[in-house]
Amino acid sequence: MKPDVTILLDIPVDEFDSRDQGRELDRLERENAEFRLKVRKGYLKAAKVSPVLCVK
């Protein structure tokens, strides 16, 4: 099963860090900035591989 379209909402890690204050974070949000940067890069790479299916 594959999606017809994927929507990628991209936010730089440092901007995320400034927005996440004042609320309880989930398990992935509590990971360090290096982890979040790797995840972001992975999603951006996937978007380049399938540009027809990924809307940024």
PDB file of N, CA and C in Angstrom:
ATOM      1  N   MET A   1       0.835  -1.164   0.000  1.00  0.00           N
ATOM      2  CA  MET A   1       0.000   0.000   0.000  1.00  0.00           C
ATOM      3  C   MET A   1       0.892   1.242   0.000  1.00  0.00           C
ATOM      4  N   LYS A   2       0.652   2.166  -0.914  1.00  0.00           N
ATOM      5  CA  LYS A   2       1.431   3.401  -0.994  1.00  0.00           C
ATOM      6  C   LYS A   2       0.478   4.593  -1.026  1.00  0.00           C
ATOM      7  N   PRO A   3       0.895   5.704  -0.436  1.00  0.00           N
ATOM      8  CA  PRO A   3       0.036   6.888  -0.466  1.00  0.00           C
ATOM      9  C   PRO A   3       0.027   7.517  -1.858  1.00  0.00           C
ATOM     10  N   ASP A   4      -1.046   8.226  -2.181  1.00  0.00           N
ATOM     11  CA  ASP A   4      -1.115   8.969  -3.435  1.00  0.00           C
ATOM     12  C   ASP A   4      -0.225  10.202  -3.381  1.00  0.00           C
ATOM     13  N   VAL A   5      -0.141  10.800  -2.215  1.00  0.00           N
ATOM     14  CA  VAL A   5       0.672  11.998  -2.030  1.00  0.00           C
ATOM     15  C   VAL A   5       1.137  12.045  -0.571  1.00  0.00           C
ATOM     16  N   THR A   6       2.306  12.615  -0.368  1.00  0.00           N
ATOM     17  CA  THR A   6       2.844  12.822   0.969  1.00  0.00           C
ATOM     18  C   THR A   6       3.107  14.306   1.135  1.00  0.00           C
ATOM     19  N   ILE A   7       2.669  14.877   2.232  1.00  0.00           N
ATOM     20  CA  ILE A   7       2.900  16.296   2.506  1.00  0.00           C
ATOM     21  C   ILE A   7       4.004  16.390   3.544  1.00  0.00           C
ATOM     22  N   LEU A   8       5.063  17.106   3.203  1.00  0.00           N
ATOM     23  CA  LEU A   8       6.212  17.274   4.091  1.00  0.00           C
ATOM     24  C   LEU A   8       6.160  18.674   4.696  1.00  0.00           C
ATOM     25  N   LEU A   9       5.968  18.744   5.994  1.00  0.00           N
ATOM     26  CA  LEU A   9       6.008  20.014   6.718  1.00  0.00           C
ATOM     27  C   LEU A   9       7.398  20.125   7.321  1.00  0.00           C
ATOM     28  N   ASP A  10       8.202  21.013   6.794  1.00  0.00           N
ATOM     29  CA  ASP A  10       9.610  21.119   7.185  1.00  0.00           C
ATOM     30  C   ASP A  10       9.824  22.320   8.096  1.00  0.00           C
ATOM     31  N   ILE A  11      10.547  22.091   9.178  1.00  0.00           N
ATOM     32  CA  ILE A  11      10.912  23.166  10.094  1.00  0.00           C
ATOM     33  C   ILE A  11      12.349  22.911  10.552  1.00  0.00           C
ATOM     34  N   PRO A  12      13.201  23.926  10.502  1.00  0.00           N
ATOM     35  CA  PRO A  12      14.573  23.750  10.973  1.00  0.00           C
ATOM     36  C   PRO A  12      14.594  23.345  12.452  1.00  0.00           C
ATOM     37  N   VAL A  13      15.577  22.548  12.836  1.00  0.00           N
ATOM     38  CA  VAL A  13      15.678  22.025  14.196  1.00  0.00           C
ATOM     39  C   VAL A  13      15.738  23.153  15.220  1.00  0.00           C
ATOM     40  N   ASP A  14      16.509  24.203  14.957  1.00  0.00           N
ATOM     41  CA  ASP A  14      16.622  25.287  15.940  1.00  0.00           C
ATOM     42  C   ASP A  14      15.295  26.026  16.118  1.00  0.00           C
ATOM     43  N   GLU A  15      14.504  26.126  15.069  1.00  0.00           N
ATOM     44  CA  GLU A  15      13.193  26.756  15.196  1.00  0.00           C
ATOM     45  C   GLU A  15      12.257  25.861  16.017  1.00  0.00           C
ATOM     46  N   PHE A  16      12.335  24.560  15.794  1.00  0.00           N
ATOM     47  CA  PHE A  16      11.547  23.628  16.607  1.00  0.00           C
ATOM     48  C   PHE A  16      11.893  23.800  18.078  1.00  0.00           C
ATOM     49  N   ASP A  17      13.188  23.889  18.372  1.00  0.00           N
ATOM     50  CA  ASP A  17      13.627  24.018  19.760  1.00  0.00           C
ATOM     51  C   ASP A  17      13.036  25.259  20.420  1.00  0.00           C
ATOM     52  N   SER A  18      12.905  26.346  19.664  1.00  0.00           N
ATOM     53  CA  SER A  18      12.356  27.571  20.247  1.00  0.00           C
ATOM     54  C   SER A  18      10.840  27.490  20.419  1.00  0.00           C
ATOM     55  N   ARG A  19      10.168  26.631  19.668  1.00  0.00           N
ATOM     56  CA  ARG A  19       8.709  26.503  19.754  1.00  0.00           C
ATOM     57  C   ARG A  19       8.246  25.474  20.776  1.00  0.00           C
ATOM     58  N   ASP A  20       9.130  24.585  21.180  1.00  0.00           N
ATOM     59  CA  ASP A  20       8.686  23.466  22.019  1.00  0.00           C
ATOM     60  C   ASP A  20       8.662  23.777  23.509  1.00  0.00           C
ATOM     61  N   GLN A  21       8.903  24.989  23.895  1.00  0.00           N
ATOM     62  CA  GLN A  21       8.939  25.344  25.311  1.00  0.00           C
ATOM     63  C   GLN A  21       7.522  25.514  25.857  1.00  0.00           C
ATOM     64  N   GLY A  22       7.324  25.099  27.084  1.00  0.00           N
ATOM     65  CA  GLY A  22       6.051  25.320  27.740  1.00  0.00           C
ATOM     66  C   GLY A  22       5.019  24.228  27.549  1.00  0.00           C
ATOM     67  N   ARG A  23       5.408  23.099  26.963  1.00  0.00           N
ATOM     68  CA  ARG A  23       4.465  21.991  26.826  1.00  0.00           C
ATOM     69  C   ARG A  23       5.225  20.689  27.038  1.00  0.00           C
ATOM     70  N   GLU A  24       4.480  19.636  27.324  1.00  0.00           N
ATOM     71  CA  GLU A  24       5.104  18.333  27.543  1.00  0.00           C
ATOM     72  C   GLU A  24       5.483  17.716  26.199  1.00  0.00           C
ATOM     73  N   LEU A  25       6.718  17.241  26.097  1.00  0.00           N
ATOM     74  CA  LEU A  25       7.223  16.668  24.854  1.00  0.00           C
ATOM     75  C   LEU A  25       7.032  15.160  24.845  1.00  0.00           C
ATOM     76  N   ASP A  26       6.812  14.598  23.646  1.00  0.00           N
ATOM     77  CA  ASP A  26       6.706  13.145  23.540  1.00  0.00           C
ATOM     78  C   ASP A  26       8.104  12.536  23.427  1.00  0.00           C
ATOM     79  N   ARG A  27       8.158  11.227  23.298  1.00  0.00           N
ATOM     80  CA  ARG A  27       9.440  10.501  23.307  1.00  0.00           C
ATOM     81  C   ARG A  27      10.390  10.988  22.220  1.00  0.00           C
ATOM     82  N   LEU A  28       9.904  11.175  21.001  1.00  0.00           N
ATOM     83  CA  LEU A  28      10.780  11.608  19.909  1.00  0.00           C
ATOM     84  C   LEU A  28      11.166  13.072  20.045  1.00  0.00           C
ATOM     85  N   GLU A  29      10.271  13.890  20.548  1.00  0.00           N
ATOM     86  CA  GLU A  29      10.585  15.307  20.730  1.00  0.00           C
ATOM     87  C   GLU A  29      11.634  15.515  21.817  1.00  0.00           C
ATOM     88  N   ARG A  30      11.752  14.571  22.734  1.00  0.00           N
ATOM     89  CA  ARG A  30      12.761  14.678  23.796  1.00  0.00           C
ATOM     90  C   ARG A  30      14.153  14.268  23.324  1.00  0.00           C
ATOM     91  N   GLU A  31      14.257  13.689  22.147  1.00  0.00           N
ATOM     92  CA  GLU A  31      15.573  13.317  21.610  1.00  0.00           C
ATOM     93  C   GLU A  31      16.407  14.580  21.386  1.00  0.00           C
ATOM     94  N   ASN A  32      17.726  14.406  21.303  1.00  0.00           N
ATOM     95  CA  ASN A  32      18.604  15.561  21.137  1.00  0.00           C
ATOM     96  C   ASN A  32      18.524  16.133  19.716  1.00  0.00           C
ATOM     97  N   ALA A  33      19.095  17.316  19.549  1.00  0.00           N
ATOM     98  CA  ALA A  33      19.029  18.028  18.267  1.00  0.00           C
ATOM     99  C   ALA A  33      19.698  17.238  17.146  1.00  0.00           C
ATOM    100  N   GLU A  34      20.760  16.517  17.437  1.00  0.00           N
ATOM    101  CA  GLU A  34      21.446  15.725  16.409  1.00  0.00           C
ATOM    102  C   GLU A  34      20.514  14.649  15.841  1.00  0.00           C
ATOM    103  N   PHE A  35      19.770  13.997  16.704  1.00  0.00           N
ATOM    104  CA  PHE A  35      18.801  12.989  16.263  1.00  0.00           C
ATOM    105  C   PHE A  35      17.746  13.632  15.368  1.00  0.00           C
ATOM    106  N   ARG A  36      17.178  14.758  15.809  1.00  0.00           N
ATOM    107  CA  ARG A  36      16.136  15.434  15.023  1.00  0.00           C
ATOM    108  C   ARG A  36      16.676  15.913  13.683  1.00  0.00           C
ATOM    109  N   LEU A  37      17.930  16.339  13.646  1.00  0.00           N
ATOM    110  CA  LEU A  37      18.546  16.765  12.390  1.00  0.00           C
ATOM    111  C   LEU A  37      18.681  15.586  11.429  1.00  0.00           C
ATOM    112  N   LYS A  38      19.083  14.430  11.930  1.00  0.00           N
ATOM    113  CA  LYS A  38      19.195  13.233  11.084  1.00  0.00           C
ATOM    114  C   LYS A  38      17.833  12.830  10.526  1.00  0.00           C
ATOM    115  N   VAL A  39      16.809  12.893  11.353  1.00  0.00           N
ATOM    116  CA  VAL A  39      15.457  12.556  10.899  1.00  0.00           C
ATOM    117  C   VAL A  39      15.016  13.532   9.815  1.00  0.00           C
ATOM    118  N   ARG A  40      15.244  14.824  10.039  1.00  0.00           N
ATOM    119  CA  ARG A  40      14.865  15.847   9.051  1.00  0.00           C
ATOM    120  C   ARG A  40      15.571  15.604   7.726  1.00  0.00           C
ATOM    121  N   LYS A  41      16.875  15.338   7.786  1.00  0.00           N
ATOM    122  CA  LYS A  41      17.636  15.078   6.561  1.00  0.00           C
ATOM    123  C   LYS A  41      17.107  13.848   5.831  1.00  0.00           C
ATOM    124  N   GLY A  42      16.713  12.836   6.584  1.00  0.00           N
ATOM    125  CA  GLY A  42      16.157  11.628   5.974  1.00  0.00           C
ATOM    126  C   GLY A  42      14.871  11.913   5.221  1.00  0.00           C
ATOM    127  N   TYR A  43      13.996  12.701   5.821  1.00  0.00           N
ATOM    128  CA  TYR A  43      12.742  13.054   5.143  1.00  0.00           C
ATOM    129  C   TYR A  43      12.999  13.923   3.917  1.00  0.00           C
ATOM    130  N   LEU A  44      13.930  14.873   4.010  1.00  0.00           N
ATOM    131  CA  LEU A  44      14.239  15.719   2.851  1.00  0.00           C
ATOM    132  C   LEU A  44      14.846  14.894   1.723  1.00  0.00           C
ATOM    133  N   LYS A  45      15.677  13.911   2.072  1.00  0.00           N
ATOM    134  CA  LYS A  45      16.259  13.026   1.061  1.00  0.00           C
ATOM    135  C   LYS A  45      15.166  12.201   0.386  1.00  0.00           C
ATOM    136  N   ALA A  46      14.244  11.677   1.168  1.00  0.00           N
ATOM    137  CA  ALA A  46      13.133  10.896   0.609  1.00  0.00           C
ATOM    138  C   ALA A  46      12.285  11.752  -0.327  1.00  0.00           C
ATOM    139  N   ALA A  47      12.113  13.021   0.009  1.00  0.00           N
ATOM    140  CA  ALA A  47      11.331  13.924  -0.843  1.00  0.00           C
ATOM    141  C   ALA A  47      12.022  14.145  -2.182  1.00  0.00           C
ATOM    142  N   LYS A  48      13.351  14.180  -2.186  1.00  0.00           N
ATOM    143  CA  LYS A  48      14.085  14.350  -3.446  1.00  0.00           C
ATOM    144  C   LYS A  48      13.988  13.102  -4.318  1.00  0.00           C
ATOM    145  N   VAL A  49      13.961  11.947  -3.685  1.00  0.00           N
ATOM    146  CA  VAL A  49      13.883  10.683  -4.418  1.00  0.00           C
ATOM    147  C   VAL A  49      12.528  10.537  -5.106  1.00  0.00           C
ATOM    148  N   SER A  50      11.471  11.006  -4.469  1.00  0.00           N
ATOM    149  CA  SER A  50      10.109  10.894  -5.017  1.00  0.00           C
ATOM    150  C   SER A  50       9.445  12.267  -5.097  1.00  0.00           C
ATOM    151  N   PRO A  51       9.985  13.188  -5.894  1.00  0.00           N
ATOM    152  CA  PRO A  51       9.429  14.548  -5.919  1.00  0.00           C
ATOM    153  C   PRO A  51       7.995  14.619  -6.430  1.00  0.00           C
ATOM    154  N   VAL A  52       7.581  13.665  -7.241  1.00  0.00           N
ATOM    155  CA  VAL A  52       6.217  13.678  -7.767  1.00  0.00           C
ATOM    156  C   VAL A  52       5.208  13.380  -6.659  1.00  0.00           C
ATOM    157  N   LEU A  53       5.604  12.547  -5.714  1.00  0.00           N
ATOM    158  CA  LEU A  53       4.685  12.136  -4.657  1.00  0.00           C
ATOM    159  C   LEU A  53       4.778  12.975  -3.395  1.00  0.00           C
ATOM    160  N   CYS A  54       5.758  13.858  -3.309  1.00  0.00           N
ATOM    161  CA  CYS A  54       5.975  14.612  -2.080  1.00  0.00           C
ATOM    162  C   CYS A  54       5.758  16.097  -2.319  1.00  0.00           C
ATOM    163  N   VAL A  55       4.861  16.685  -1.567  1.00  0.00           N
ATOM    164  CA  VAL A  55       4.569  18.111  -1.657  1.00  0.00           C
ATOM    165  C   VAL A  55       5.234  18.790  -0.475  1.00  0.00           C
ATOM    166  N   LYS A  56       6.037  19.825  -0.746  1.00  0.00           N
ATOM    167  CA  LYS A  56       6.714  20.558   0.328  1.00  0.00           C
ATOM    168  C   LYS A  56       6.056  21.896   0.519  1.00  0.00           C
TER     169      LYS A  56
END
